[in-house]
Amino acid sequence: MEICHDKFAKAGLTAEASIDVAPPRIAECPIQAECRLVSISDKGRFILAELDIVNLWVENGLLSENGIVDSTKWKPLIFNFREYDTVGDALGFNIKYGN
């Protein structure tokens, strides 16, 4: 397996410096959050990570008139119990769907 040292370039994305955390942000993402880890809980079959959002950026075009994210403008990709969805039509399923 080949190691990719510049994942941003490989994906055609632009790294943007974060303000309060070390990892960079992705400039092309319409919603960006800088987070700090609060706690990790091992639940056996999965690990639960609790994060504290310290900075948040949202493109103005995704906000409603009262400044709240309008998901009909954003069209988020939602992973819900092995199904990929959004606020419109379903986009597809993962490989284990139905098993």
PDB file of N, CA and C in Angstrom:
ATOM      1  N   MET A   1       0.851  -1.183   0.000  1.00  0.00           N
ATOM      2  CA  MET A   1       0.000   0.000   0.000  1.00  0.00           C
ATOM      3  C   MET A   1       0.891   1.240   0.000  1.00  0.00           C
ATOM      4  N   GLU A   2       0.566   2.164  -0.872  1.00  0.00           N
ATOM      5  CA  GLU A   2       1.326   3.402  -0.972  1.00  0.00           C
ATOM      6  C   GLU A   2       0.802   4.431   0.029  1.00  0.00           C
ATOM      7  N   ILE A   3       1.711   5.101   0.712  1.00  0.00           N
ATOM      8  CA  ILE A   3       1.333   6.141   1.670  1.00  0.00           C
ATOM      9  C   ILE A   3       1.228   7.469   0.931  1.00  0.00           C
ATOM     10  N   CYS A   4       0.136   8.175   1.168  1.00  0.00           N
ATOM     11  CA  CYS A   4      -0.072   9.488   0.561  1.00  0.00           C
ATOM     12  C   CYS A   4       0.270  10.558   1.592  1.00  0.00           C
ATOM     13  N   HIS A   5       1.315  11.314   1.323  1.00  0.00           N
ATOM     14  CA  HIS A   5       1.755  12.335   2.278  1.00  0.00           C
ATOM     15  C   HIS A   5       1.030  13.665   2.111  1.00  0.00           C
ATOM     16  N   ASP A   6       0.399  13.882   0.967  1.00  0.00           N
ATOM     17  CA  ASP A   6      -0.348  15.122   0.746  1.00  0.00           C
ATOM     18  C   ASP A   6      -1.767  14.781   0.300  1.00  0.00           C
ATOM     19  N   LYS A   7      -2.595  14.426   1.270  1.00  0.00           N
ATOM     20  CA  LYS A   7      -3.965  14.005   0.986  1.00  0.00           C
ATOM     21  C   LYS A   7      -4.802  15.154   0.413  1.00  0.00           C
ATOM     22  N   PHE A   8      -4.499  16.386   0.809  1.00  0.00           N
ATOM     23  CA  PHE A   8      -5.228  17.534   0.273  1.00  0.00           C
ATOM     24  C   PHE A   8      -5.002  17.636  -1.241  1.00  0.00           C
ATOM     25  N   ALA A   9      -3.751  17.558  -1.673  1.00  0.00           N
ATOM     26  CA  ALA A   9      -3.449  17.648  -3.106  1.00  0.00           C
ATOM     27  C   ALA A   9      -4.056  16.474  -3.857  1.00  0.00           C
ATOM     28  N   LYS A  10      -3.961  15.293  -3.303  1.00  0.00           N
ATOM     29  CA  LYS A  10      -4.492  14.082  -3.941  1.00  0.00           C
ATOM     30  C   LYS A  10      -6.001  14.212  -4.182  1.00  0.00           C
ATOM     31  N   ALA A  11      -6.705  14.829  -3.234  1.00  0.00           N
ATOM     32  CA  ALA A  11      -8.158  14.991  -3.335  1.00  0.00           C
ATOM     33  C   ALA A  11      -8.556  16.283  -4.054  1.00  0.00           C
ATOM     34  N   GLY A  12      -7.587  17.114  -4.402  1.00  0.00           N
ATOM     35  CA  GLY A  12      -7.904  18.381  -5.064  1.00  0.00           C
ATOM     36  C   GLY A  12      -8.507  19.400  -4.117  1.00  0.00           C
ATOM     37  N   LEU A  13      -8.120  19.332  -2.843  1.00  0.00           N
ATOM     38  CA  LEU A  13      -8.658  20.241  -1.827  1.00  0.00           C
ATOM     39  C   LEU A  13      -7.575  21.185  -1.329  1.00  0.00           C
ATOM     40  N   THR A  14      -8.010  22.243  -0.658  1.00  0.00           N
ATOM     41  CA  THR A  14      -7.100  23.261  -0.154  1.00  0.00           C
ATOM     42  C   THR A  14      -7.085  23.258   1.365  1.00  0.00           C
ATOM     43  N   ALA A  15      -5.897  23.111   1.953  1.00  0.00           N
ATOM     44  CA  ALA A  15      -5.757  23.182   3.404  1.00  0.00           C
ATOM     45  C   ALA A  15      -5.816  24.635   3.841  1.00  0.00           C
ATOM     46  N   GLU A  16      -6.534  24.872   4.924  1.00  0.00           N
ATOM     47  CA  GLU A  16      -6.658  26.222   5.487  1.00  0.00           C
ATOM     48  C   GLU A  16      -6.332  26.122   6.967  1.00  0.00           C
ATOM     49  N   ALA A  17      -5.494  27.010   7.462  1.00  0.00           N
ATOM     50  CA  ALA A  17      -5.078  26.948   8.859  1.00  0.00           C
ATOM     51  C   ALA A  17      -6.266  27.099   9.800  1.00  0.00           C
ATOM     52  N   SER A  18      -6.278  26.275  10.830  1.00  0.00           N
ATOM     53  CA  SER A  18      -7.277  26.409  11.888  1.00  0.00           C
ATOM     54  C   SER A  18      -6.830  27.504  12.836  1.00  0.00           C
ATOM     55  N   ILE A  19      -7.735  27.952  13.683  1.00  0.00           N
ATOM     56  CA  ILE A  19      -7.409  29.019  14.622  1.00  0.00           C
ATOM     57  C   ILE A  19      -6.978  28.475  15.975  1.00  0.00           C
ATOM     58  N   ASP A  20      -7.735  27.505  16.513  1.00  0.00           N
ATOM     59  CA  ASP A  20      -7.479  27.034  17.871  1.00  0.00           C
ATOM     60  C   ASP A  20      -7.100  25.561  17.996  1.00  0.00           C
ATOM     61  N   VAL A  21      -7.000  24.844  16.877  1.00  0.00           N
ATOM     62  CA  VAL A  21      -6.595  23.437  16.914  1.00  0.00           C
ATOM     63  C   VAL A  21      -5.509  23.225  15.863  1.00  0.00           C
ATOM     64  N   ALA A  22      -4.764  22.137  15.976  1.00  0.00           N
ATOM     65  CA  ALA A  22      -3.647  21.885  15.066  1.00  0.00           C
ATOM     66  C   ALA A  22      -4.071  21.452  13.660  1.00  0.00           C
ATOM     67  N   PRO A  23      -5.012  20.512  13.501  1.00  0.00           N
ATOM     68  CA  PRO A  23      -5.330  20.059  12.140  1.00  0.00           C
ATOM     69  C   PRO A  23      -5.911  21.181  11.287  1.00  0.00           C
ATOM     70  N   PRO A  24      -5.545  21.195  10.005  1.00  0.00           N
ATOM     71  CA  PRO A  24      -6.095  22.224   9.123  1.00  0.00           C
ATOM     72  C   PRO A  24      -7.554  21.943   8.771  1.00  0.00           C
ATOM     73  N   ARG A  25      -8.221  22.990   8.309  1.00  0.00           N
ATOM     74  CA  ARG A  25      -9.590  22.863   7.808  1.00  0.00           C
ATOM     75  C   ARG A  25      -9.530  22.651   6.295  1.00  0.00           C
ATOM     76  N   ILE A  26     -10.644  22.270   5.698  1.00  0.00           N
ATOM     77  CA  ILE A  26     -10.736  22.104   4.250  1.00  0.00           C
ATOM     78  C   ILE A  26     -11.491  23.314   3.713  1.00  0.00           C
ATOM     79  N   ALA A  27     -10.796  24.151   2.955  1.00  0.00           N
ATOM     80  CA  ALA A  27     -11.365  25.419   2.483  1.00  0.00           C
ATOM     81  C   ALA A  27     -12.643  25.213   1.669  1.00  0.00           C
ATOM     82  N   GLU A  28     -12.747  24.117   0.930  1.00  0.00           N
ATOM     83  CA  GLU A  28     -13.902  23.889   0.066  1.00  0.00           C
ATOM     84  C   GLU A  28     -15.148  23.418   0.823  1.00  0.00           C
ATOM     85  N   CYS A  29     -15.035  23.083   2.089  1.00  0.00           N
ATOM     86  CA  CYS A  29     -16.193  22.620   2.871  1.00  0.00           C
ATOM     87  C   CYS A  29     -17.074  23.807   3.252  1.00  0.00           C
ATOM     88  N   PRO A  30     -18.379  23.719   2.974  1.00  0.00           N
ATOM     89  CA  PRO A  30     -19.271  24.835   3.281  1.00  0.00           C
ATOM     90  C   PRO A  30     -19.541  25.022   4.773  1.00  0.00           C
ATOM     91  N   ILE A  31     -19.349  23.960   5.552  1.00  0.00           N
ATOM     92  CA  ILE A  31     -19.491  24.044   7.009  1.00  0.00           C
ATOM     93  C   ILE A  31     -18.252  23.414   7.624  1.00  0.00           C
ATOM     94  N   GLN A  32     -17.600  24.154   8.502  1.00  0.00           N
ATOM     95  CA  GLN A  32     -16.376  23.679   9.138  1.00  0.00           C
ATOM     96  C   GLN A  32     -16.468  23.898  10.639  1.00  0.00           C
ATOM     97  N   ALA A  33     -15.979  22.919  11.391  1.00  0.00           N
ATOM     98  CA  ALA A  33     -15.974  23.038  12.851  1.00  0.00           C
ATOM     99  C   ALA A  33     -14.606  22.649  13.379  1.00  0.00           C
ATOM    100  N   GLU A  34     -14.062  23.474  14.242  1.00  0.00           N
ATOM    101  CA  GLU A  34     -12.858  23.110  14.989  1.00  0.00           C
ATOM    102  C   GLU A  34     -13.334  22.550  16.322  1.00  0.00           C
ATOM    103  N   CYS A  35     -12.809  21.394  16.680  1.00  0.00           N
ATOM    104  CA  CYS A  35     -13.262  20.728  17.909  1.00  0.00           C
ATOM    105  C   CYS A  35     -12.082  20.299  18.767  1.00  0.00           C
ATOM    106  N   ARG A  36     -12.347  20.215  20.056  1.00  0.00           N
ATOM    107  CA  ARG A  36     -11.401  19.648  21.012  1.00  0.00           C
ATOM    108  C   ARG A  36     -12.044  18.421  21.635  1.00  0.00           C
ATOM    109  N   LEU A  37     -11.235  17.394  21.849  1.00  0.00           N
ATOM    110  CA  LEU A  37     -11.724  16.163  22.446  1.00  0.00           C
ATOM    111  C   LEU A  37     -12.018  16.379  23.928  1.00  0.00           C
ATOM    112  N   VAL A  38     -13.222  16.010  24.362  1.00  0.00           N
ATOM    113  CA  VAL A  38     -13.623  16.113  25.768  1.00  0.00           C
ATOM    114  C   VAL A  38     -13.420  14.764  26.458  1.00  0.00           C
ATOM    115  N   SER A  39     -13.903  13.687  25.819  1.00  0.00           N
ATOM    116  CA  SER A  39     -13.759  12.358  26.419  1.00  0.00           C
ATOM    117  C   SER A  39     -13.920  11.283  25.351  1.00  0.00           C
ATOM    118  N   ILE A  40     -13.394  10.100  25.679  1.00  0.00           N
ATOM    119  CA  ILE A  40     -13.565   8.918  24.831  1.00  0.00           C
ATOM    120  C   ILE A  40     -14.115   7.814  25.720  1.00  0.00           C
ATOM    121  N   SER A  41     -15.170   7.147  25.248  1.00  0.00           N
ATOM    122  CA  SER A  41     -15.770   6.039  25.988  1.00  0.00           C
ATOM    123  C   SER A  41     -15.770   4.801  25.104  1.00  0.00           C
ATOM    124  N   ASP A  42     -15.137   3.726  25.595  1.00  0.00           N
ATOM    125  CA  ASP A  42     -15.114   2.461  24.867  1.00  0.00           C
ATOM    126  C   ASP A  42     -16.395   1.711  25.194  1.00  0.00           C
ATOM    127  N   LYS A  43     -17.242   1.520  24.185  1.00  0.00           N
ATOM    128  CA  LYS A  43     -18.535   0.856  24.373  1.00  0.00           C
ATOM    129  C   LYS A  43     -18.515  -0.594  23.898  1.00  0.00           C
ATOM    130  N   GLY A  44     -17.326  -1.173  23.723  1.00  0.00           N
ATOM    131  CA  GLY A  44     -17.218  -2.555  23.290  1.00  0.00           C
ATOM    132  C   GLY A  44     -17.185  -2.671  21.784  1.00  0.00           C
ATOM    133  N   ARG A  45     -18.323  -2.540  21.138  1.00  0.00           N
ATOM    134  CA  ARG A  45     -18.394  -2.660  19.681  1.00  0.00           C
ATOM    135  C   ARG A  45     -18.110  -1.346  18.968  1.00  0.00           C
ATOM    136  N   PHE A  46     -18.047  -0.260  19.712  1.00  0.00           N
ATOM    137  CA  PHE A  46     -17.724   1.038  19.123  1.00  0.00           C
ATOM    138  C   PHE A  46     -17.126   1.936  20.185  1.00  0.00           C
ATOM    139  N   ILE A  47     -16.546   3.027  19.747  1.00  0.00           N
ATOM    140  CA  ILE A  47     -15.970   4.020  20.663  1.00  0.00           C
ATOM    141  C   ILE A  47     -16.736   5.318  20.463  1.00  0.00           C
ATOM    142  N   LEU A  48     -17.132   5.929  21.559  1.00  0.00           N
ATOM    143  CA  LEU A  48     -17.881   7.180  21.528  1.00  0.00           C
ATOM    144  C   LEU A  48     -16.923   8.317  21.878  1.00  0.00           C
ATOM    145  N   ALA A  49     -16.822   9.307  20.999  1.00  0.00           N
ATOM    146  CA  ALA A  49     -15.968  10.469  21.237  1.00  0.00           C
ATOM    147  C   ALA A  49     -16.857  11.684  21.465  1.00  0.00           C
ATOM    148  N   GLU A  50     -16.653  12.369  22.579  1.00  0.00           N
ATOM    149  CA  GLU A  50     -17.381  13.608  22.878  1.00  0.00           C
ATOM    150  C   GLU A  50     -16.466  14.775  22.534  1.00  0.00           C
ATOM    151  N   LEU A  51     -16.980  15.701  21.718  1.00  0.00           N
ATOM    152  CA  LEU A  51     -16.192  16.832  21.257  1.00  0.00           C
ATOM    153  C   LEU A  51     -16.816  18.146  21.700  1.00  0.00           C
ATOM    154  N   ASP A  52     -15.974  19.135  21.872  1.00  0.00           N
ATOM    155  CA  ASP A  52     -16.418  20.492  22.180  1.00  0.00           C
ATOM    156  C   ASP A  52     -16.078  21.359  20.968  1.00  0.00           C
ATOM    157  N   ILE A  53     -17.083  21.942  20.332  1.00  0.00           N
ATOM    158  CA  ILE A  53     -16.847  22.810  19.173  1.00  0.00           C
ATOM    159  C   ILE A  53     -16.324  24.148  19.686  1.00  0.00           C
ATOM    160  N   VAL A  54     -15.144  24.532  19.205  1.00  0.00           N
ATOM    161  CA  VAL A  54     -14.538  25.789  19.651  1.00  0.00           C
ATOM    162  C   VAL A  54     -14.650  26.893  18.599  1.00  0.00           C
ATOM    163  N   ASN A  55     -14.801  26.520  17.338  1.00  0.00           N
ATOM    164  CA  ASN A  55     -15.015  27.488  16.253  1.00  0.00           C
ATOM    165  C   ASN A  55     -15.886  26.841  15.195  1.00  0.00           C
ATOM    166  N   LEU A  56     -16.727  27.636  14.560  1.00  0.00           N
ATOM    167  CA  LEU A  56     -17.637  27.131  13.546  1.00  0.00           C
ATOM    168  C   LEU A  56     -17.739  28.147  12.416  1.00  0.00           C
ATOM    169  N   TRP A  57     -17.660  27.649  11.168  1.00  0.00           N
ATOM    170  CA  TRP A  57     -17.815  28.490   9.989  1.00  0.00           C
ATOM    171  C   TRP A  57     -18.925  27.909   9.128  1.00  0.00           C
ATOM    172  N   VAL A  58     -19.817  28.754   8.650  1.00  0.00           N
ATOM    173  CA  VAL A  58     -20.910  28.334   7.769  1.00  0.00           C
ATOM    174  C   VAL A  58     -21.022  29.370   6.651  1.00  0.00           C
ATOM    175  N   GLU A  59     -21.032  28.894   5.398  1.00  0.00           N
ATOM    176  CA  GLU A  59     -21.199  29.819   4.271  1.00  0.00           C
ATOM    177  C   GLU A  59     -22.542  30.530   4.398  1.00  0.00           C
ATOM    178  N   ASN A  60     -22.563  31.819   4.139  1.00  0.00           N
ATOM    179  CA  ASN A  60     -23.786  32.616   4.273  1.00  0.00           C
ATOM    180  C   ASN A  60     -24.945  32.067   3.452  1.00  0.00           C
ATOM    181  N   GLY A  61     -24.663  31.513   2.284  1.00  0.00           N
ATOM    182  CA  GLY A  61     -25.710  30.995   1.420  1.00  0.00           C
ATOM    183  C   GLY A  61     -26.453  29.795   2.002  1.00  0.00           C
ATOM    184  N   LEU A  62     -25.933  29.210   3.074  1.00  0.00           N
ATOM    185  CA  LEU A  62     -26.569  28.057   3.709  1.00  0.00           C
ATOM    186  C   LEU A  62     -27.434  28.443   4.904  1.00  0.00           C
ATOM    187  N   LEU A  63     -27.453  29.730   5.215  1.00  0.00           N
ATOM    188  CA  LEU A  63     -28.197  30.193   6.383  1.00  0.00           C
ATOM    189  C   LEU A  63     -29.590  30.689   5.995  1.00  0.00           C
ATOM    190  N   SER A  64     -30.529  30.484   6.896  1.00  0.00           N
ATOM    191  CA  SER A  64     -31.873  31.034   6.707  1.00  0.00           C
ATOM    192  C   SER A  64     -31.844  32.519   7.048  1.00  0.00           C
ATOM    193  N   GLU A  65     -32.972  33.173   6.901  1.00  0.00           N
ATOM    194  CA  GLU A  65     -33.048  34.613   7.198  1.00  0.00           C
ATOM    195  C   GLU A  65     -32.713  34.926   8.649  1.00  0.00           C
ATOM    196  N   ASN A  66     -32.967  33.952   9.562  1.00  0.00           N
ATOM    197  CA  ASN A  66     -32.682  34.200  10.980  1.00  0.00           C
ATOM    198  C   ASN A  66     -31.333  33.644  11.412  1.00  0.00           C
ATOM    199  N   GLY A  67     -30.460  33.286  10.448  1.00  0.00           N
ATOM    200  CA  GLY A  67     -29.096  32.885  10.771  1.00  0.00           C
ATOM    201  C   GLY A  67     -28.914  31.438  11.183  1.00  0.00           C
ATOM    202  N   ILE A  68     -29.901  30.591  10.939  1.00  0.00           N
ATOM    203  CA  ILE A  68     -29.817  29.167  11.277  1.00  0.00           C
ATOM    204  C   ILE A  68     -29.531  28.387  10.003  1.00  0.00           C
ATOM    205  N   VAL A  69     -28.727  27.297  10.109  1.00  0.00           N
ATOM    206  CA  VAL A  69     -28.419  26.475   8.940  1.00  0.00           C
ATOM    207  C   VAL A  69     -29.720  25.916   8.359  1.00  0.00           C
ATOM    208  N   ASP A  70     -29.927  26.136   7.071  1.00  0.00           N
ATOM    209  CA  ASP A  70     -31.099  25.638   6.357  1.00  0.00           C
ATOM    210  C   ASP A  70     -30.675  24.373   5.618  1.00  0.00           C
ATOM    211  N   SER A  71     -31.044  23.200   6.116  1.00  0.00           N
ATOM    212  CA  SER A  71     -30.569  21.941   5.550  1.00  0.00           C
ATOM    213  C   SER A  71     -31.068  21.707   4.129  1.00  0.00           C
ATOM    214  N   THR A  72     -32.121  22.407   3.704  1.00  0.00           N
ATOM    215  CA  THR A  72     -32.561  22.259   2.320  1.00  0.00           C
ATOM    216  C   THR A  72     -31.604  22.967   1.362  1.00  0.00           C
ATOM    217  N   LYS A  73     -30.837  23.915   1.867  1.00  0.00           N
ATOM    218  CA  LYS A  73     -29.818  24.580   1.060  1.00  0.00           C
ATOM    219  C   LYS A  73     -28.493  23.827   1.130  1.00  0.00           C
ATOM    220  N   TRP A  74     -28.244  23.144   2.223  1.00  0.00           N
ATOM    221  CA  TRP A  74     -26.981  22.481   2.466  1.00  0.00           C
ATOM    222  C   TRP A  74     -26.923  21.099   1.827  1.00  0.00           C
ATOM    223  N   LYS A  75     -27.984  20.337   1.892  1.00  0.00           N
ATOM    224  CA  LYS A  75     -28.035  18.963   1.398  1.00  0.00           C
ATOM    225  C   LYS A  75     -26.949  18.101   2.061  1.00  0.00           C
ATOM    226  N   PRO A  76     -26.982  17.960   3.378  1.00  0.00           N
ATOM    227  CA  PRO A  76     -25.950  17.173   4.060  1.00  0.00           C
ATOM    228  C   PRO A  76     -26.026  15.699   3.685  1.00  0.00           C
ATOM    229  N   LEU A  77     -24.876  15.034   3.716  1.00  0.00           N
ATOM    230  CA  LEU A  77     -24.830  13.589   3.545  1.00  0.00           C
ATOM    231  C   LEU A  77     -24.999  12.982   4.932  1.00  0.00           C
ATOM    232  N   ILE A  78     -26.017  12.168   5.104  1.00  0.00           N
ATOM    233  CA  ILE A  78     -26.341  11.594   6.408  1.00  0.00           C
ATOM    234  C   ILE A  78     -26.168  10.083   6.346  1.00  0.00           C
ATOM    235  N   PHE A  79     -25.385   9.535   7.267  1.00  0.00           N
ATOM    236  CA  PHE A  79     -25.249   8.095   7.385  1.00  0.00           C
ATOM    237  C   PHE A  79     -26.154   7.658   8.518  1.00  0.00           C
ATOM    238  N   ASN A  80     -27.196   6.894   8.196  1.00  0.00           N
ATOM    239  CA  ASN A  80     -28.199   6.513   9.172  1.00  0.00           C
ATOM    240  C   ASN A  80     -28.431   5.007   9.100  1.00  0.00           C
ATOM    241  N   PHE A  81     -27.854   4.272  10.033  1.00  0.00           N
ATOM    242  CA  PHE A  81     -28.042   2.822  10.111  1.00  0.00           C
ATOM    243  C   PHE A  81     -27.798   2.138   8.776  1.00  0.00           C
ATOM    244  N   ARG A  82     -26.593   2.290   8.261  1.00  0.00           N
ATOM    245  CA  ARG A  82     -26.137   1.653   7.030  1.00  0.00           C
ATOM    246  C   ARG A  82     -26.760   2.215   5.760  1.00  0.00           C
ATOM    247  N   GLU A  83     -27.454   3.306   5.840  1.00  0.00           N
ATOM    248  CA  GLU A  83     -28.071   3.922   4.672  1.00  0.00           C
ATOM    249  C   GLU A  83     -27.534   5.338   4.509  1.00  0.00           C
ATOM    250  N   TYR A  84     -27.157   5.689   3.284  1.00  0.00           N
ATOM    251  CA  TYR A  84     -26.719   7.047   2.985  1.00  0.00           C
ATOM    252  C   TYR A  84     -27.922   7.831   2.495  1.00  0.00           C
ATOM    253  N   ASP A  85     -28.141   8.988   3.091  1.00  0.00           N
ATOM    254  CA  ASP A  85     -29.333   9.757   2.781  1.00  0.00           C
ATOM    255  C   ASP A  85     -28.989  11.236   2.808  1.00  0.00           C
ATOM    256  N   THR A  86     -29.948  12.051   2.455  1.00  0.00           N
ATOM    257  CA  THR A  86     -29.842  13.501   2.560  1.00  0.00           C
ATOM    258  C   THR A  86     -31.262  14.017   2.771  1.00  0.00           C
ATOM    259  N   VAL A  87     -31.483  15.297   2.613  1.00  0.00           N
ATOM    260  CA  VAL A  87     -32.829  15.820   2.825  1.00  0.00           C
ATOM    261  C   VAL A  87     -33.710  15.599   1.608  1.00  0.00           C
ATOM    262  N   GLY A  88     -33.148  15.102   0.509  1.00  0.00           N
ATOM    263  CA  GLY A  88     -33.912  14.796  -0.702  1.00  0.00           C
ATOM    264  C   GLY A  88     -34.027  13.292  -0.870  1.00  0.00           C
ATOM    265  N   ASP A  89     -33.844  12.823  -2.092  1.00  0.00           N
ATOM    266  CA  ASP A  89     -33.901  11.392  -2.376  1.00  0.00           C
ATOM    267  C   ASP A  89     -32.700  10.674  -1.774  1.00  0.00           C
ATOM    268  N   ALA A  90     -32.879   9.380  -1.423  1.00  0.00           N
ATOM    269  CA  ALA A  90     -31.778   8.568  -0.901  1.00  0.00           C
ATOM    270  C   ALA A  90     -30.670   8.503  -1.948  1.00  0.00           C
ATOM    271  N   LEU A  91     -29.419   8.540  -1.488  1.00  0.00           N
ATOM    272  CA  LEU A  91     -28.278   8.545  -2.393  1.00  0.00           C
ATOM    273  C   LEU A  91     -27.706   7.153  -2.632  1.00  0.00           C
ATOM    274  N   GLY A  92     -27.927   6.234  -1.699  1.00  0.00           N
ATOM    275  CA  GLY A  92     -27.371   4.894  -1.858  1.00  0.00           C
ATOM    276  C   GLY A  92     -27.241   4.203  -0.524  1.00  0.00           C
ATOM    277  N   PHE A  93     -26.634   3.034  -0.554  1.00  0.00           N
ATOM    278  CA  PHE A  93     -26.488   2.211   0.644  1.00  0.00           C
ATOM    279  C   PHE A  93     -25.050   1.725   0.742  1.00  0.00           C
ATOM    280  N   ASN A  94     -24.634   1.410   1.986  1.00  0.00           N
ATOM    281  CA  ASN A  94     -23.278   0.875   2.110  1.00  0.00           C
ATOM    282  C   ASN A  94     -23.285  -0.618   1.830  1.00  0.00           C
ATOM    283  N   ILE A  95     -22.116  -1.219   1.795  1.00  0.00           N
ATOM    284  CA  ILE A  95     -21.972  -2.612   1.371  1.00  0.00           C
ATOM    285  C   ILE A  95     -22.679  -3.604   2.276  1.00  0.00           C
ATOM    286  N   LYS A  96     -22.887  -3.293   3.544  1.00  0.00           N
ATOM    287  CA  LYS A  96     -23.512  -4.229   4.483  1.00  0.00           C
ATOM    288  C   LYS A  96     -25.022  -4.036   4.597  1.00  0.00           C
ATOM    289  N   TYR A  97     -25.605  -3.154   3.823  1.00  0.00           N
ATOM    290  CA  TYR A  97     -27.031  -2.850   3.965  1.00  0.00           C
ATOM    291  C   TYR A  97     -27.874  -4.122   3.827  1.00  0.00           C
ATOM    292  N   GLY A  98     -28.782  -4.324   4.764  1.00  0.00           N
ATOM    293  CA  GLY A  98     -29.685  -5.455   4.724  1.00  0.00           C
ATOM    294  C   GLY A  98     -29.144  -6.708   5.371  1.00  0.00           C
ATOM    295  N   ASN A  99     -27.919  -6.694   5.857  1.00  0.00           N
ATOM    296  CA  ASN A  99     -27.339  -7.877   6.505  1.00  0.00           C
ATOM    297  C   ASN A  99     -27.450  -7.774   8.008  1.00  0.00           C
TER     298      ASN A  99
END
